[in-house]
Amino acid sequence: MGLHGEEADTSSRYEESTMKYERLVQDAIEEQKASPLDILEIGDTSGEYAYLNNFKSTYVRTVRDIDKMFEGDRSCRTILEIGAYLGVVSVSLKRLGFDVHASDIPEFYGSSALRSFYERNEIPFAGLNLRNTRLPYESGSFDAVVICEVLEHLNFNPLPALKEINRILKDGGYIYIGMPNQARIGNRMKLLFGKSINHPIEYFFKQLDKNSNMIVGLHWREYTLSETVRLIEKMGFEAVREGYFHAECQPRSGAIRKMLKKAVYSYPPFRSFQIVVGRKVSVPICDFRLTEANT
């Protein structure tokens, strides 16, 4: 039975808006292909392009979610993306009319090509390491902080960083977190067969390889959805949205594989990724003991 009346109109509007975000993201990705950045200067522009395409559906989701969060009120909303990397999300949000700021690790900021890219797109870009105790932004500066595919890469305690994100957000501002779901079906199956859910030991060597583009590629600590919610609630946020999602199958994926994934992912906790949106409701009172041993 097909959709009728308001149901059909709603579905049509959703598909139309999703296509708009897909075009924005795809344009940003194709610009990277046309003018490769090679930010670590190791000749891996094809790897950068492949990475962007691999995460395309998550970029679309992020851009759509942020836009819907402030729909009709973009020009006066200031967004910070932490871990912006090659700028697909930041550029897409900028082209929607948001006032966007971007940041990434100092090693990426050191790329003159990357700095020039952000300058051309009129996006202030900063190099920072979340290990530092204070972010280079004034208190209450942002309406939202986007931090996707970042927390799982931190090899230090994330609480001081979350405290800083709370500080730079306006009252009622949002933290938007997207990252892998530790309880995904793939990890459950690995544990069932006695295998580790962590990266193989060989990845330690790959991360330190001067010819590898995996400088921050390791996931040091993944989280379940309930852990992520608890993490932000302890740091002055109210979870206003939480859920699971999975990246779309690649176009070349076989029909059987697509059917199997659809069946498995019908149980949301099996899905590969999670999203948690928190609204700032208080300022955490934390007098952290910050030492070389715990940060």
Protein backbone atom coordinates (compact mmCIF):
# COMPACT_ATOMS: atom_id res chain seq x y z
CA MET A 1 0.00 0.00 0.00
CA GLY A 2 1.41 3.39 -0.99
CA LEU A 3 1.60 6.58 1.01
CA HIS A 4 -1.32 8.99 0.77
CA GLY A 5 -2.08 12.61 1.68
CA GLU A 6 0.11 14.23 4.32
CA GLU A 7 2.17 11.04 4.73
CA ALA A 8 3.21 11.10 1.08
CA ASP A 9 3.94 14.83 1.21
CA THR A 10 6.11 14.40 4.30
CA SER A 11 8.05 11.54 2.72
CA SER A 12 8.55 13.53 -0.48
CA ARG A 13 9.81 16.59 1.41
CA TYR A 14 12.22 14.44 3.43
CA GLU A 15 13.65 12.82 0.30
CA GLU A 16 13.97 16.19 -1.40
CA SER A 17 15.79 17.74 1.56
CA THR A 18 18.09 14.72 1.87
CA MET A 19 19.01 15.06 -1.79
CA LYS A 20 19.93 18.70 -1.14
CA TYR A 21 22.35 17.69 1.61
CA GLU A 22 23.75 14.87 -0.51
CA ARG A 23 24.50 17.32 -3.31
CA LEU A 24 26.21 19.71 -0.89
CA VAL A 25 28.39 16.96 0.56
CA GLN A 26 29.16 15.41 -2.82
CA ASP A 27 30.21 18.77 -4.22
CA ALA A 28 32.58 19.28 -1.29
CA ILE A 29 34.07 15.81 -1.79
CA GLU A 30 34.51 16.27 -5.54
CA GLU A 31 36.30 19.56 -4.95
CA GLN A 32 38.84 17.62 -2.91
CA LYS A 33 39.33 15.29 -5.85
CA ALA A 34 39.77 18.19 -8.27
CA SER A 35 42.26 19.98 -5.98
CA PRO A 36 43.86 17.35 -3.71
CA LEU A 37 45.40 18.60 -0.46
CA ASP A 38 47.76 15.78 0.61
CA ILE A 39 47.91 17.34 4.07
CA LEU A 40 50.67 15.07 5.40
CA GLU A 41 52.63 15.43 2.14
CA ILE A 42 53.09 11.68 1.67
CA GLY A 43 51.40 11.41 -1.73
CA ASP A 44 48.20 9.84 -0.42
CA THR A 45 45.58 12.03 -2.10
CA SER A 46 43.75 8.93 -3.34
CA GLY A 47 43.53 7.73 0.26
CA GLU A 48 42.08 11.06 1.38
CA TYR A 49 39.46 10.93 -1.38
CA ALA A 50 38.58 7.31 -0.55
CA TYR A 51 38.20 8.22 3.14
CA LEU A 52 35.77 11.04 2.32
CA ASN A 53 33.67 8.80 0.10
CA ASN A 54 33.61 6.10 2.76
CA PHE A 55 32.12 8.56 5.27
CA LYS A 56 29.83 10.36 2.82
CA SER A 57 26.57 9.12 4.34
CA THR A 58 27.68 10.15 7.84
CA TYR A 59 28.61 13.62 6.57
CA VAL A 60 25.16 13.94 4.98
CA ARG A 61 23.53 12.90 8.25
CA THR A 62 25.56 15.41 10.27
CA VAL A 63 24.91 18.34 7.92
CA ARG A 64 21.20 17.54 7.74
CA ASP A 65 20.86 17.17 11.51
CA ILE A 66 22.62 20.45 12.29
CA ASP A 67 20.63 22.30 9.66
CA LYS A 68 17.33 20.93 10.96
CA MET A 69 18.38 21.89 14.47
CA PHE A 70 18.50 25.58 13.49
CA GLU A 71 16.31 25.62 10.39
CA GLY A 72 15.30 29.11 9.33
CA ASP A 73 17.81 30.67 11.72
CA ARG A 74 21.18 29.89 10.16
CA SER A 75 22.89 33.22 9.64
CA CYS A 76 23.02 34.07 13.35
CA ARG A 77 24.17 30.61 14.46
CA THR A 78 27.85 29.92 15.11
CA ILE A 79 29.07 26.34 14.75
CA LEU A 80 32.44 24.85 15.69
CA GLU A 81 33.55 21.57 14.17
CA ILE A 82 36.27 19.81 16.15
CA GLY A 83 38.16 17.27 14.07
CA ALA A 84 37.09 18.91 10.82
CA TYR A 85 39.85 17.18 8.82
CA LEU A 86 39.29 17.92 5.09
CA GLY A 87 36.33 20.16 5.79
CA VAL A 88 33.40 18.43 4.11
CA VAL A 89 30.99 19.10 6.98
CA SER A 90 32.30 22.59 7.73
CA VAL A 91 32.15 23.71 4.10
CA SER A 92 28.66 22.26 3.63
CA LEU A 93 27.36 24.06 6.72
CA LYS A 94 29.05 27.29 5.62
CA ARG A 95 27.30 27.10 2.25
CA LEU A 96 23.99 26.67 4.04
CA GLY A 97 24.59 30.04 5.70
CA PHE A 98 26.02 29.16 9.11
CA ASP A 99 28.91 31.01 10.72
CA VAL A 100 31.36 28.09 10.85
CA HIS A 101 34.67 27.65 12.64
CA ALA A 102 36.84 24.55 12.21
CA SER A 103 39.71 22.95 14.09
CA ASP A 104 41.94 19.90 13.97
CA ILE A 105 45.18 18.60 15.40
CA PRO A 106 48.32 20.75 15.02
CA GLU A 107 49.84 18.18 12.63
CA PHE A 108 47.01 18.82 10.16
CA TYR A 109 47.00 22.55 10.82
CA GLY A 110 50.64 22.54 9.77
CA SER A 111 49.54 21.89 6.19
CA SER A 112 49.62 25.18 4.26
CA ALA A 113 47.34 23.58 1.65
CA LEU A 114 44.72 22.82 4.30
CA ARG A 115 44.95 26.29 5.85
CA SER A 116 44.55 27.85 2.39
CA PHE A 117 41.55 25.64 1.73
CA TYR A 118 39.75 26.90 4.82
CA GLU A 119 40.78 30.48 4.08
CA ARG A 120 39.29 30.25 0.57
CA ASN A 121 36.05 29.06 2.10
CA GLU A 122 36.12 31.88 4.70
CA ILE A 123 36.15 29.46 7.61
CA PRO A 124 38.43 30.35 10.57
CA PHE A 125 40.63 27.33 11.17
CA ALA A 126 42.61 26.52 14.31
CA GLY A 127 45.12 23.86 15.23
CA LEU A 128 44.49 22.39 18.64
CA ASN A 129 44.97 19.26 20.66
CA LEU A 130 42.12 18.32 22.99
CA ARG A 131 44.73 17.11 25.44
CA ASN A 132 45.35 20.78 26.27
CA THR A 133 43.30 22.05 29.17
CA ARG A 134 41.82 25.13 27.49
CA LEU A 135 40.39 25.62 24.00
CA PRO A 136 41.30 28.90 22.20
CA TYR A 137 37.74 30.27 22.20
CA GLU A 138 35.82 32.65 24.43
CA SER A 139 33.22 31.28 26.83
CA GLY A 140 29.71 31.14 25.38
CA SER A 141 30.91 31.55 21.79
CA PHE A 142 29.03 28.77 19.98
CA ASP A 143 25.49 27.59 19.40
CA ALA A 144 26.72 24.07 18.63
CA VAL A 145 29.92 22.06 18.68
CA VAL A 146 30.17 19.18 16.22
CA ILE A 147 32.56 16.45 17.34
CA CYS A 148 32.23 13.43 15.06
CA GLU A 149 34.67 10.54 14.72
CA VAL A 150 36.86 12.12 17.42
CA LEU A 151 36.23 10.82 20.95
CA GLU A 152 37.16 7.25 20.03
CA HIS A 153 40.59 8.49 18.89
CA LEU A 154 41.50 10.11 22.21
CA ASN A 155 44.18 8.22 24.12
CA PHE A 156 43.59 10.30 27.23
CA ASN A 157 40.80 11.11 29.65
CA PRO A 158 38.07 13.01 27.72
CA LEU A 159 36.46 14.77 30.69
CA PRO A 160 38.56 17.98 30.60
CA ALA A 161 37.84 18.32 26.87
CA LEU A 162 34.09 17.92 27.45
CA LYS A 163 34.28 20.49 30.22
CA GLU A 164 35.91 22.91 27.78
CA ILE A 165 33.25 22.24 25.14
CA ASN A 166 30.64 23.04 27.76
CA ARG A 167 32.45 26.31 28.53
CA ILE A 168 32.59 27.56 24.94
CA LEU A 169 28.93 26.74 24.29
CA LYS A 170 26.20 29.27 24.90
CA ASP A 171 23.57 28.42 27.49
CA GLY A 172 21.24 25.97 25.79
CA GLY A 173 23.86 25.27 23.10
CA TYR A 174 24.32 21.78 21.67
CA ILE A 175 27.07 19.20 21.50
CA TYR A 176 26.63 16.87 18.53
CA ILE A 177 28.53 13.58 18.84
CA GLY A 178 28.78 10.94 16.15
CA MET A 179 31.02 7.89 16.51
CA PRO A 180 31.18 4.10 16.30
CA ASN A 181 28.89 1.99 18.43
CA GLN A 182 31.05 -0.30 20.53
CA ALA A 183 28.18 -2.78 20.84
CA ARG A 184 27.75 -3.19 17.05
CA ILE A 185 27.12 -6.65 15.64
CA GLY A 186 30.66 -6.97 14.27
CA ASN A 187 32.20 -6.48 17.70
CA ARG A 188 29.73 -8.87 19.32
CA MET A 189 30.62 -11.57 16.83
CA LYS A 190 34.35 -11.05 17.40
CA LEU A 191 33.93 -11.48 21.15
CA LEU A 192 31.73 -14.54 20.59
CA PHE A 193 34.60 -16.21 18.78
CA GLY A 194 37.21 -15.06 21.28
CA LYS A 195 38.68 -12.30 19.11
CA SER A 196 39.62 -8.79 20.19
CA ILE A 197 37.40 -5.86 19.26
CA ASN A 198 40.43 -3.57 19.24
CA HIS A 199 42.72 -2.79 16.31
CA PRO A 200 45.38 -5.40 15.61
CA ILE A 201 48.85 -4.84 17.08
CA GLU A 202 50.20 -4.12 13.59
CA TYR A 203 48.24 -0.86 13.61
CA PHE A 204 50.55 0.48 16.33
CA PHE A 205 53.38 0.32 13.81
CA LYS A 206 51.22 1.70 11.01
CA GLN A 207 50.26 4.75 13.07
CA LEU A 208 53.94 5.63 13.56
CA ASP A 209 54.92 4.91 9.95
CA LYS A 210 56.05 8.13 8.25
CA ASN A 211 54.61 6.87 4.96
CA SER A 212 51.20 6.07 6.43
CA ASN A 213 48.18 8.36 6.57
CA MET A 214 47.04 6.89 9.88
CA ILE A 215 48.51 9.45 12.26
CA VAL A 216 45.34 9.42 14.38
CA GLY A 217 43.78 6.29 12.93
CA LEU A 218 43.62 4.17 16.07
CA HIS A 219 40.44 3.87 18.15
CA TRP A 220 41.75 3.89 21.70
CA ARG A 221 38.36 3.77 23.43
CA GLU A 222 34.96 3.21 21.86
CA TYR A 223 31.70 3.73 23.77
CA THR A 224 28.26 2.21 23.96
CA LEU A 225 25.29 4.52 23.53
CA SER A 226 24.42 4.47 27.24
CA GLU A 227 28.03 5.27 28.15
CA THR A 228 28.07 8.25 25.79
CA VAL A 229 24.86 9.60 27.29
CA ARG A 230 26.19 9.14 30.81
CA LEU A 231 29.46 10.83 29.83
CA ILE A 232 27.82 14.05 28.65
CA GLU A 233 25.18 14.12 31.40
CA LYS A 234 27.99 14.14 33.97
CA MET A 235 29.46 17.17 32.19
CA GLY A 236 26.47 19.52 32.25
CA PHE A 237 24.46 18.33 29.26
CA GLU A 238 20.97 16.95 28.89
CA ALA A 239 20.70 14.26 26.23
CA VAL A 240 17.97 15.48 23.87
CA ARG A 241 18.54 12.92 21.15
CA GLU A 242 20.23 9.55 20.97
CA GLY A 243 20.17 6.66 18.57
CA TYR A 244 21.93 4.27 16.23
CA PHE A 245 22.54 4.44 12.52
CA HIS A 246 24.55 2.64 9.86
CA ALA A 247 26.37 3.79 6.78
CA GLU A 248 24.64 3.03 3.51
CA CYS A 249 25.86 0.05 1.52
CA GLN A 250 28.29 0.84 -1.26
CA PRO A 251 26.66 0.87 -4.73
CA ARG A 252 28.63 -2.23 -5.71
CA SER A 253 27.40 -4.24 -2.73
CA GLY A 254 25.54 -7.36 -3.79
CA ALA A 255 21.81 -7.79 -3.32
CA ILE A 256 22.23 -10.60 -0.78
CA ARG A 257 24.65 -8.55 1.28
CA LYS A 258 22.26 -5.62 1.29
CA MET A 259 19.38 -7.86 2.40
CA LEU A 260 21.46 -9.36 5.21
CA LYS A 261 22.53 -5.95 6.45
CA LYS A 262 18.95 -4.70 6.36
CA ALA A 263 17.82 -7.68 8.42
CA VAL A 264 20.64 -7.38 10.96
CA TYR A 265 20.29 -3.62 11.33
CA SER A 266 16.56 -3.89 11.96
CA TYR A 267 17.72 -4.31 15.57
CA PRO A 268 19.13 -0.80 16.20
CA PRO A 269 21.80 -1.72 18.84
CA PHE A 270 23.49 -3.89 16.19
CA ARG A 271 24.13 -0.86 13.97
CA SER A 272 27.65 0.39 13.43
CA PHE A 273 27.36 4.01 14.54
CA GLN A 274 25.69 6.12 17.19
CA ILE A 275 24.64 9.72 17.58
CA VAL A 276 24.10 11.62 20.81
CA VAL A 277 22.99 15.25 20.98
CA GLY A 278 23.30 17.06 24.29
CA ARG A 279 21.98 20.47 25.31
CA LYS A 280 23.96 22.55 27.78
CA VAL A 281 21.87 22.90 30.94
CA SER A 282 24.53 23.57 33.57
CA VAL A 283 28.21 24.21 34.14
CA PRO A 284 29.99 21.18 35.62
CA ILE A 285 31.70 21.84 38.92
CA CYS A 286 34.88 19.84 38.50
CA ASP A 287 38.25 20.58 40.03
CA PHE A 288 40.25 18.07 38.02
CA ARG A 289 43.74 17.02 39.02
CA LEU A 290 45.51 17.29 35.67
CA THR A 291 48.91 15.62 35.51
CA GLU A 292 51.14 14.07 32.86
CA ALA A 293 49.89 10.71 34.07
CA ASN A 294 46.17 11.24 33.55
CA THR A 295 45.82 13.56 30.55
